[in-house]
Amino acid sequence: MSKEDLIPFKKGFDPRRNLGGAPKNSLKRFQQQMFNDMTPAEKKAFLKGVPKGERWRMAEGNPHQTTDTEHILPQTLIELINGITNNTTDSGLSKEDTE
């Protein structure tokens, strides 16, 4: 490790920053351009090899996946928990045992 490795960067300058942005010729953009340049007959031939589900995702994007869930406990379990908490002290002992 040299002494230069220990010197902090100048304020506002970090050589690791990506100043040029995303690559201009990414594989995704190449594929988009290639598909746009195809004739309708070439597009149909290309899509014959793509499964129907993939075609849908290519056209519409992936479906929304909801992660919100609501948990409903049976009333008897709620009554059981309420009964335990109402009949115990902070130390966990039954109120009947402490009297």
Protein backbone atom coordinates (compact mmCIF):
# COMPACT_ATOMS: atom_id res chain seq x y z
CA MET A 1 0.00 0.00 0.00
CA SER A 2 1.48 3.29 -1.05
CA LYS A 3 1.15 6.67 0.59
CA GLU A 4 -1.14 7.80 -2.28
CA ASP A 5 -3.68 5.14 -1.29
CA LEU A 6 -4.05 6.77 2.11
CA ILE A 7 -4.72 10.31 0.84
CA PRO A 8 -8.46 11.14 0.77
CA PHE A 9 -10.12 12.32 -2.43
CA LYS A 10 -10.37 16.01 -3.20
CA LYS A 11 -13.71 17.50 -2.21
CA GLY A 12 -16.28 16.92 -4.95
CA PHE A 13 -14.06 14.52 -6.87
CA ASP A 14 -14.38 10.78 -6.59
CA PRO A 15 -12.71 8.78 -9.37
CA ARG A 16 -15.14 5.91 -8.76
CA ARG A 17 -18.13 8.01 -9.85
CA ASN A 18 -19.77 7.18 -13.15
CA LEU A 19 -19.65 10.58 -14.83
CA GLY A 20 -20.60 9.23 -18.24
CA GLY A 21 -23.87 7.65 -17.05
CA ALA A 22 -25.15 4.33 -18.28
CA PRO A 23 -23.37 2.75 -21.25
CA LYS A 24 -24.81 4.09 -24.50
CA ASN A 25 -24.71 0.72 -26.29
CA SER A 26 -26.09 -1.64 -23.67
CA LEU A 27 -27.28 -5.11 -24.67
CA LYS A 28 -30.88 -4.15 -23.85
CA ARG A 29 -30.75 -1.13 -26.15
CA PHE A 30 -29.10 -3.20 -28.86
CA GLN A 31 -31.92 -5.77 -28.66
CA GLN A 32 -34.58 -3.05 -28.71
CA GLN A 33 -33.03 -1.47 -31.78
CA MET A 34 -32.72 -4.83 -33.51
CA PHE A 35 -36.40 -5.62 -32.83
CA ASN A 36 -37.48 -2.16 -34.01
CA ASP A 37 -35.59 -2.63 -37.27
CA MET A 38 -37.33 -5.95 -38.04
CA THR A 39 -40.17 -6.18 -40.53
CA PRO A 40 -43.55 -7.41 -39.23
CA ALA A 41 -42.92 -10.84 -40.81
CA GLU A 42 -39.51 -11.08 -39.08
CA LYS A 43 -41.10 -10.08 -35.75
CA LYS A 44 -43.73 -12.82 -36.07
CA ALA A 45 -41.05 -15.40 -36.87
CA PHE A 46 -38.99 -14.23 -33.88
CA LEU A 47 -41.97 -14.34 -31.50
CA LYS A 48 -42.87 -17.92 -32.51
CA GLY A 49 -39.92 -19.09 -30.45
CA VAL A 50 -40.92 -17.05 -27.38
CA PRO A 51 -43.38 -18.60 -24.86
CA LYS A 52 -46.75 -16.83 -24.54
CA GLY A 53 -46.09 -15.76 -20.95
CA GLU A 54 -42.81 -14.16 -21.97
CA ARG A 55 -44.51 -12.33 -24.85
CA TRP A 56 -47.02 -10.88 -22.41
CA ARG A 57 -44.27 -9.68 -20.06
CA MET A 58 -42.36 -8.19 -22.99
CA ALA A 59 -45.44 -6.19 -23.99
CA GLU A 60 -46.98 -5.30 -20.62
CA GLY A 61 -44.16 -5.74 -18.09
CA ASN A 62 -44.21 -8.01 -15.06
CA PRO A 63 -47.46 -8.11 -13.08
CA HIS A 64 -47.65 -6.31 -9.75
CA GLN A 65 -46.89 -8.58 -6.81
CA THR A 66 -48.75 -7.55 -3.71
CA THR A 67 -46.96 -8.26 -0.47
CA ASP A 68 -49.58 -6.63 1.78
CA THR A 69 -51.27 -9.25 3.89
CA GLU A 70 -53.83 -9.05 6.65
CA HIS A 71 -53.73 -11.61 9.43
CA ILE A 72 -57.05 -12.41 11.05
CA LEU A 73 -56.89 -14.51 14.19
CA PRO A 74 -59.84 -16.56 15.37
CA GLN A 75 -61.89 -14.79 18.02
CA THR A 76 -61.26 -17.61 20.51
CA LEU A 77 -57.48 -17.08 20.29
CA ILE A 78 -57.88 -13.33 20.85
CA GLU A 79 -60.06 -14.00 23.87
CA LEU A 80 -57.46 -16.42 25.19
CA ILE A 81 -54.65 -13.86 24.84
CA ASN A 82 -56.75 -11.10 26.41
CA GLY A 83 -57.67 -13.40 29.28
CA ILE A 84 -54.01 -14.21 29.96
CA THR A 85 -52.86 -10.60 29.87
CA ASN A 86 -55.75 -9.38 32.06
CA ASN A 87 -55.08 -12.02 34.71
CA THR A 88 -51.30 -11.70 35.01
CA THR A 89 -48.96 -9.18 36.59
CA ASP A 90 -45.92 -7.58 34.93
CA SER A 91 -43.73 -10.33 36.35
CA GLY A 92 -45.84 -13.00 34.62
CA LEU A 93 -47.44 -14.37 37.79
CA SER A 94 -51.15 -14.91 38.02
CA LYS A 95 -53.01 -12.21 39.98
CA GLU A 96 -54.68 -14.97 41.97
CA ASP A 97 -51.28 -16.34 43.04
CA THR A 98 -50.03 -12.94 44.23
CA GLU A 99 -53.05 -12.19 46.50
